[in-house]
Amino acid sequence: TEADKGDKVHRAAFEQLSSMENINFIGNVESRE
């Protein structure tokens, strides 16, 4: 769930989705949840 998890693309995606005002981005989620 941490912002720095995942490969390079997923880390960049976390930053990009966090900056998008038109979606309610809640961060990373794990498959078990």
All heavy atoms as atom14 arrays in JSON, in Angstrom:
{
  "sequence": "TEADKGDKVHRAAFEQLSSMENINFIGNVESRE",
  "atom14_mask": [
    [1, 1, 1, 1, 1, 1, 1, 0, 0, 0, 0, 0, 0, 0],
    [1, 1, 1, 1, 1, 1, 1, 1, 1, 0, 0, 0, 0, 0],
    [1, 1, 1, 1, 1, 0, 0, 0, 0, 0, 0, 0, 0, 0],
    [1, 1, 1, 1, 1, 1, 1, 1, 0, 0, 0, 0, 0, 0],
    [1, 1, 1, 1, 1, 1, 1, 1, 1, 0, 0, 0, 0, 0],
    [1, 1, 1, 1, 0, 0, 0, 0, 0, 0, 0, 0, 0, 0],
    [1, 1, 1, 1, 1, 1, 1, 1, 0, 0, 0, 0, 0, 0],
    [1, 1, 1, 1, 1, 1, 1, 1, 1, 0, 0, 0, 0, 0],
    [1, 1, 1, 1, 1, 1, 1, 0, 0, 0, 0, 0, 0, 0],
    [1, 1, 1, 1, 1, 1, 1, 1, 1, 1, 0, 0, 0, 0],
    [1, 1, 1, 1, 1, 1, 1, 1, 1, 1, 1, 0, 0, 0],
    [1, 1, 1, 1, 1, 0, 0, 0, 0, 0, 0, 0, 0, 0],
    [1, 1, 1, 1, 1, 0, 0, 0, 0, 0, 0, 0, 0, 0],
    [1, 1, 1, 1, 1, 1, 1, 1, 1, 1, 1, 0, 0, 0],
    [1, 1, 1, 1, 1, 1, 1, 1, 1, 0, 0, 0, 0, 0],
    [1, 1, 1, 1, 1, 1, 1, 1, 1, 0, 0, 0, 0, 0],
    [1, 1, 1, 1, 1, 1, 1, 1, 0, 0, 0, 0, 0, 0],
    [1, 1, 1, 1, 1, 1, 0, 0, 0, 0, 0, 0, 0, 0],
    [1, 1, 1, 1, 1, 1, 0, 0, 0, 0, 0, 0, 0, 0],
    [1, 1, 1, 1, 1, 1, 1, 1, 0, 0, 0, 0, 0, 0],
    [1, 1, 1, 1, 1, 1, 1, 1, 1, 0, 0, 0, 0, 0],
    [1, 1, 1, 1, 1, 1, 1, 1, 0, 0, 0, 0, 0, 0],
    [1, 1, 1, 1, 1, 1, 1, 1, 0, 0, 0, 0, 0, 0],
    [1, 1, 1, 1, 1, 1, 1, 1, 0, 0, 0, 0, 0, 0],
    [1, 1, 1, 1, 1, 1, 1, 1, 1, 1, 1, 0, 0, 0],
    [1, 1, 1, 1, 1, 1, 1, 1, 0, 0, 0, 0, 0, 0],
    [1, 1, 1, 1, 0, 0, 0, 0, 0, 0, 0, 0, 0, 0],
    [1, 1, 1, 1, 1, 1, 1, 1, 0, 0, 0, 0, 0, 0],
    [1, 1, 1, 1, 1, 1, 1, 0, 0, 0, 0, 0, 0, 0],
    [1, 1, 1, 1, 1, 1, 1, 1, 1, 0, 0, 0, 0, 0],
    [1, 1, 1, 1, 1, 1, 0, 0, 0, 0, 0, 0, 0, 0],
    [1, 1, 1, 1, 1, 1, 1, 1, 1, 1, 1, 0, 0, 0],
    [1, 1, 1, 1, 1, 1, 1, 1, 1, 0, 0, 0, 0, 0]
  ],
  "atom14_positions": [
    [[0.81, -1.22, 0.0], [0.0, 0.0, 0.0], [0.85, 1.28, 0.0], [0.33, 2.36, -0.29], [-0.93, 0.03, 1.23], [-0.14, -0.07, 2.42], [-1.91, -1.13, 1.18], [0.0, 0.0, 0.0], [0.0, 0.0, 0.0], [0.0, 0.0, 0.0], [0.0, 0.0, 0.0], [0.0, 0.0, 0.0], [0.0, 0.0, 0.0], [0.0, 0.0, 0.0]],
    [[2.14, 1.16, 0.31], [3.0, 2.34, 0.36], [3.2, 2.94, -1.04], [3.2, 2.22, -2.04], [4.36, 2.0, 0.97], [4.3, 1.49, 2.41], [4.03, -0.01, 2.5], [3.8, -0.65, 1.44], [4.07, -0.54, 3.63], [0.0, 0.0, 0.0], [0.0, 0.0, 0.0], [0.0, 0.0, 0.0], [0.0, 0.0, 0.0], [0.0, 0.0, 0.0]],
    [[3.4, 4.24, -1.09], [3.54, 4.96, -2.36], [4.75, 4.5, -3.17], [4.76, 4.61, -4.4], [3.61, 6.46, -2.11], [0.0, 0.0, 0.0], [0.0, 0.0, 0.0], [0.0, 0.0, 0.0], [0.0, 0.0, 0.0], [0.0, 0.0, 0.0], [0.0, 0.0, 0.0], [0.0, 0.0, 0.0], [0.0, 0.0, 0.0], [0.0, 0.0, 0.0]],
    [[5.8, 4.01, -2.53], [7.02, 3.63, -3.23], [7.06, 2.15, -3.6], [8.11, 1.63, -4.0], [8.25, 3.98, -2.39], [8.27, 3.23, -1.05], [7.23, 2.63, -0.68], [9.31, 3.27, -0.36], [0.0, 0.0, 0.0], [0.0, 0.0, 0.0], [0.0, 0.0, 0.0], [0.0, 0.0, 0.0], [0.0, 0.0, 0.0], [0.0, 0.0, 0.0]],
    [[5.95, 1.46, -3.51], [5.9, 0.03, -3.85], [5.77, -0.17, -5.37], [5.3, 0.7, -6.09], [4.72, -0.65, -3.15], [4.92, -0.88, -1.67], [5.99, -1.94, -1.42], [6.09, -2.29, 0.06], [7.09, -3.34, 0.3], [0.0, 0.0, 0.0], [0.0, 0.0, 0.0], [0.0, 0.0, 0.0], [0.0, 0.0, 0.0], [0.0, 0.0, 0.0]],
    [[6.19, -1.34, -5.81], [6.02, -1.7, -7.2], [7.19, -1.34, -8.09], [8.21, -0.8, -7.63], [0.0, 0.0, 0.0], [0.0, 0.0, 0.0], [0.0, 0.0, 0.0], [0.0, 0.0, 0.0], [0.0, 0.0, 0.0], [0.0, 0.0, 0.0], [0.0, 0.0, 0.0], [0.0, 0.0, 0.0], [0.0, 0.0, 0.0], [0.0, 0.0, 0.0]],
    [[7.03, -1.64, -9.38], [8.08, -1.31, -10.34], [8.04, 0.17, -10.71], [7.22, 0.94, -10.18], [7.96, -2.19, -11.59], [6.59, -2.06, -12.27], [5.9, -1.04, -12.03], [6.23, -2.95, -13.04], [0.0, 0.0, 0.0], [0.0, 0.0, 0.0], [0.0, 0.0, 0.0], [0.0, 0.0, 0.0], [0.0, 0.0, 0.0], [0.0, 0.0, 0.0]],
    [[8.91, 0.55, -11.62], [9.04, 1.97, -11.99], [7.73, 2.54, -12.52], [7.35, 3.67, -12.17], [10.15, 2.11, -13.04], [10.43, 3.54, -13.45], [11.58, 3.59, -14.45], [11.87, 5.02, -14.89], [13.0, 5.08, -15.87], [0.0, 0.0, 0.0], [0.0, 0.0, 0.0], [0.0, 0.0, 0.0], [0.0, 0.0, 0.0], [0.0, 0.0, 0.0]],
    [[7.03, 1.77, -13.36], [5.79, 2.26, -13.95], [4.72, 2.44, -12.89], [3.97, 3.43, -12.88], [5.3, 1.32, -15.06], [3.96, 1.8, -15.63], [6.33, 1.21, -16.18], [0.0, 0.0, 0.0], [0.0, 0.0, 0.0], [0.0, 0.0, 0.0], [0.0, 0.0, 0.0], [0.0, 0.0, 0.0], [0.0, 0.0, 0.0], [0.0, 0.0, 0.0]],
    [[4.61, 1.49, -11.95], [3.59, 1.59, -10.91], [3.87, 2.75, -9.95], [2.93, 3.4, -9.48], [3.48, 0.26, -10.14], [2.65, -0.76, -10.84], [3.11, -1.49, -11.91], [1.36, -1.15, -10.64], [2.15, -2.3, -12.33], [1.08, -2.11, -11.58], [0.0, 0.0, 0.0], [0.0, 0.0, 0.0], [0.0, 0.0, 0.0], [0.0, 0.0, 0.0]],
    [[5.14, 3.01, -9.68], [5.46, 4.16, -8.82], [5.08, 5.47, -9.52], [4.55, 6.39, -8.9], [6.94, 4.14, -8.44], [7.33, 2.97, -7.53], [8.69, 3.18, -6.89], [9.77, 3.27, -7.87], [10.43, 2.22, -8.35], [10.12, 1.0, -7.95], [11.41, 2.4, -9.23], [0.0, 0.0, 0.0], [0.0, 0.0, 0.0], [0.0, 0.0, 0.0]],
    [[5.36, 5.51, -10.82], [4.99, 6.7, -11.58], [3.47, 6.83, -11.69], [2.92, 7.94, -11.64], [5.61, 6.64, -12.98], [0.0, 0.0, 0.0], [0.0, 0.0, 0.0], [0.0, 0.0, 0.0], [0.0, 0.0, 0.0], [0.0, 0.0, 0.0], [0.0, 0.0, 0.0], [0.0, 0.0, 0.0], [0.0, 0.0, 0.0], [0.0, 0.0, 0.0]],
    [[2.8, 5.69, -11.82], [1.34, 5.7, -11.91], [0.72, 6.21, -10.61], [-0.27, 6.95, -10.62], [0.82, 4.31, -12.23], [0.0, 0.0, 0.0], [0.0, 0.0, 0.0], [0.0, 0.0, 0.0], [0.0, 0.0, 0.0], [0.0, 0.0, 0.0], [0.0, 0.0, 0.0], [0.0, 0.0, 0.0], [0.0, 0.0, 0.0], [0.0, 0.0, 0.0]],
    [[1.29, 5.81, -9.48], [0.8, 6.3, -8.19], [0.85, 7.83, -8.14], [-0.12, 8.48, -7.75], [1.63, 5.71, -7.05], [1.13, 6.08, -5.68], [0.32, 5.22, -4.96], [1.48, 7.3, -5.11], [-0.16, 5.56, -3.7], [1.02, 7.66, -3.85], [0.2, 6.79, -3.14], [0.0, 0.0, 0.0], [0.0, 0.0, 0.0], [0.0, 0.0, 0.0]],
    [[1.97, 8.39, -8.56], [2.12, 9.84, -8.55], [1.13, 10.5, -9.52], [0.5, 11.52, -9.18], [3.55, 10.23, -8.94], [4.59, 9.85, -7.9], [5.98, 10.33, -8.29], [6.08, 11.16, -9.22], [6.96, 9.88, -7.66], [0.0, 0.0, 0.0], [0.0, 0.0, 0.0], [0.0, 0.0, 0.0], [0.0, 0.0, 0.0], [0.0, 0.0, 0.0]],
    [[0.98, 9.92, -10.7], [0.11, 10.52, -11.7], [-1.36, 10.47, -11.27], [-2.08, 11.46, -11.38], [0.29, 9.8, -13.04], [-0.51, 10.39, -14.18], [-0.12, 11.82, -14.51], [1.02, 12.22, -14.25], [-1.06, 12.59, -15.04], [0.0, 0.0, 0.0], [0.0, 0.0, 0.0], [0.0, 0.0, 0.0], [0.0, 0.0, 0.0], [0.0, 0.0, 0.0]],
    [[-1.8, 9.31, -10.79], [-3.2, 9.18, -10.37], [-3.49, 10.06, -9.16], [-4.61, 10.57, -9.01], [-3.52, 7.71, -10.06], [-3.4, 6.72, -11.23], [-3.8, 5.32, -10.78], [-4.27, 7.16, -12.4], [0.0, 0.0, 0.0], [0.0, 0.0, 0.0], [0.0, 0.0, 0.0], [0.0, 0.0, 0.0], [0.0, 0.0, 0.0], [0.0, 0.0, 0.0]],
    [[-2.49, 10.25, -8.3], [-2.67, 11.11, -7.13], [-2.92, 12.56, -7.53], [-3.57, 13.31, -6.79], [-1.44, 11.04, -6.22], [-1.25, 9.73, -5.72], [0.0, 0.0, 0.0], [0.0, 0.0, 0.0], [0.0, 0.0, 0.0], [0.0, 0.0, 0.0], [0.0, 0.0, 0.0], [0.0, 0.0, 0.0], [0.0, 0.0, 0.0], [0.0, 0.0, 0.0]],
    [[-2.41, 12.94, -8.69], [-2.53, 14.33, -9.13], [-3.79, 14.59, -9.97], [-4.08, 15.74, -10.3], [-1.3, 14.73, -9.95], [-1.27, 14.02, -11.19], [0.0, 0.0, 0.0], [0.0, 0.0, 0.0], [0.0, 0.0, 0.0], [0.0, 0.0, 0.0], [0.0, 0.0, 0.0], [0.0, 0.0, 0.0], [0.0, 0.0, 0.0], [0.0, 0.0, 0.0]],
    [[-4.52, 13.54, -10.31], [-5.71, 13.7, -11.16], [-6.92, 14.09, -10.32], [-7.36, 13.33, -9.46], [-5.97, 12.4, -11.94], [-4.86, 12.07, -12.93], [-5.03, 10.43, -13.7], [-6.54, 10.64, -14.64], [0.0, 0.0, 0.0], [0.0, 0.0, 0.0], [0.0, 0.0, 0.0], [0.0, 0.0, 0.0], [0.0, 0.0, 0.0], [0.0, 0.0, 0.0]],
    [[-7.46, 15.28, -10.6], [-8.56, 15.8, -9.81], [-9.91, 15.2, -10.18], [-10.86, 15.3, -9.41], [-8.64, 17.33, -9.97], [-7.4, 18.05, -9.44], [-7.5, 19.55, -9.62], [-8.51, 20.01, -10.21], [-6.59, 20.27, -9.17], [0.0, 0.0, 0.0], [0.0, 0.0, 0.0], [0.0, 0.0, 0.0], [0.0, 0.0, 0.0], [0.0, 0.0, 0.0]],
    [[-10.0, 14.57, -11.35], [-11.29, 14.05, -11.81], [-11.58, 12.63, -11.32], [-12.62, 12.06, -11.65], [-11.36, 14.08, -13.34], [-10.24, 13.28, -13.99], [-9.15, 13.18, -13.46], [-10.53, 12.71, -15.14], [0.0, 0.0, 0.0], [0.0, 0.0, 0.0], [0.0, 0.0, 0.0], [0.0, 0.0, 0.0], [0.0, 0.0, 0.0], [0.0, 0.0, 0.0]],
    [[-10.66, 12.02, -10.57], [-10.93, 10.7, -9.99], [-10.64, 10.72, -8.48], [-9.82, 11.5, -8.01], [-10.1, 9.58, -10.67], [-8.6, 9.77, -10.41], [-10.4, 9.49, -12.16], [-7.77, 8.59, -10.85], [0.0, 0.0, 0.0], [0.0, 0.0, 0.0], [0.0, 0.0, 0.0], [0.0, 0.0, 0.0], [0.0, 0.0, 0.0], [0.0, 0.0, 0.0]],
    [[-11.3, 9.84, -7.77], [-11.13, 9.73, -6.33], [-10.11, 8.63, -6.04], [-10.46, 7.51, -5.66], [-12.48, 9.41, -5.68], [-12.4, 9.22, -4.18], [-11.47, 9.72, -3.54], [-13.35, 8.5, -3.62], [0.0, 0.0, 0.0], [0.0, 0.0, 0.0], [0.0, 0.0, 0.0], [0.0, 0.0, 0.0], [0.0, 0.0, 0.0], [0.0, 0.0, 0.0]],
    [[-8.82, 8.96, -6.24], [-7.77, 7.96, -6.09], [-7.43, 7.76, -4.61], [-7.14, 8.71, -3.88], [-6.51, 8.41, -6.84], [-5.38, 7.43, -6.78], [-5.52, 6.14, -7.26], [-4.16, 7.8, -6.23], [-4.48, 5.24, -7.21], [-3.1, 6.91, -6.17], [-3.26, 5.62, -6.67], [0.0, 0.0, 0.0], [0.0, 0.0, 0.0], [0.0, 0.0, 0.0]],
    [[-7.49, 6.49, -4.15], [-7.25, 6.19, -2.74], [-5.9, 5.56, -2.48], [-5.56, 5.21, -1.35], [-8.36, 5.28, -2.18], [-8.36, 3.93, -2.92], [-9.72, 5.96, -2.28], [-9.21, 2.88, -2.25], [0.0, 0.0, 0.0], [0.0, 0.0, 0.0], [0.0, 0.0, 0.0], [0.0, 0.0, 0.0], [0.0, 0.0, 0.0], [0.0, 0.0, 0.0]],
    [[-5.09, 5.38, -3.55], [-3.76, 4.83, -3.38], [-3.65, 3.38, -3.83], [-4.52, 2.85, -4.53], [0.0, 0.0, 0.0], [0.0, 0.0, 0.0], [0.0, 0.0, 0.0], [0.0, 0.0, 0.0], [0.0, 0.0, 0.0], [0.0, 0.0, 0.0], [0.0, 0.0, 0.0], [0.0, 0.0, 0.0], [0.0, 0.0, 0.0], [0.0, 0.0, 0.0]],
    [[-2.58, 2.72, -3.41], [-2.35, 1.32, -3.76], [-3.26, 0.4, -2.97], [-3.58, 0.67, -1.8], [-0.9, 0.93, -3.47], [0.09, 1.59, -4.42], [-0.23, 1.83, -5.58], [1.29, 1.88, -3.93], [0.0, 0.0, 0.0], [0.0, 0.0, 0.0], [0.0, 0.0, 0.0], [0.0, 0.0, 0.0], [0.0, 0.0, 0.0], [0.0, 0.0, 0.0]],
    [[-3.67, -0.71, -3.6], [-4.41, -1.76, -2.91], [-3.74, -3.1, -3.19], [-3.17, -3.31, -4.26], [-5.9, -1.81, -3.35], [-6.64, -0.56, -2.94], [-6.02, -2.03, -4.85], [0.0, 0.0, 0.0], [0.0, 0.0, 0.0], [0.0, 0.0, 0.0], [0.0, 0.0, 0.0], [0.0, 0.0, 0.0], [0.0, 0.0, 0.0], [0.0, 0.0, 0.0]],
    [[-3.78, -3.99, -2.21], [-3.2, -5.32, -2.37], [-4.27, -6.32, -2.79], [-5.45, -6.15, -2.47], [-2.56, -5.76, -1.06], [-1.37, -4.92, -0.64], [-0.75, -5.41, 0.66], [-1.43, -5.38, 1.69], [0.42, -5.81, 0.62], [0.0, 0.0, 0.0], [0.0, 0.0, 0.0], [0.0, 0.0, 0.0], [0.0, 0.0, 0.0], [0.0, 0.0, 0.0]],
    [[-3.85, -7.37, -3.47], [-4.8, -8.35, -3.99], [-5.59, -9.05, -2.89], [-6.75, -9.4, -3.09], [-4.06, -9.39, -4.84], [-3.03, -10.02, -4.09], [0.0, 0.0, 0.0], [0.0, 0.0, 0.0], [0.0, 0.0, 0.0], [0.0, 0.0, 0.0], [0.0, 0.0, 0.0], [0.0, 0.0, 0.0], [0.0, 0.0, 0.0], [0.0, 0.0, 0.0]],
    [[-4.99, -9.22, -1.72], [-5.7, -9.9, -0.64], [-6.86, -9.08, -0.09], [-7.71, -9.62, 0.63], [-4.74, -10.23, 0.5], [-4.14, -9.02, 1.21], [-3.18, -9.44, 2.3], [-2.6, -8.29, 2.99], [-1.72, -8.39, 3.97], [-1.31, -9.6, 4.36], [-1.23, -7.31, 4.55], [0.0, 0.0, 0.0], [0.0, 0.0, 0.0], [0.0, 0.0, 0.0]],
    [[-6.91, -7.79, -0.41], [-7.97, -6.92, 0.09], [-9.07, -6.66, -0.94], [-10.04, -5.97, -0.65], [-7.39, -5.57, 0.54], [-6.43, -5.67, 1.71], [-7.1, -6.22, 2.97], [-8.3, -5.98, 3.16], [-6.4, -6.89, 3.76], [0.0, 0.0, 0.0], [0.0, 0.0, 0.0], [0.0, 0.0, 0.0], [0.0, 0.0, 0.0], [0.0, 0.0, 0.0]]
  ]
}
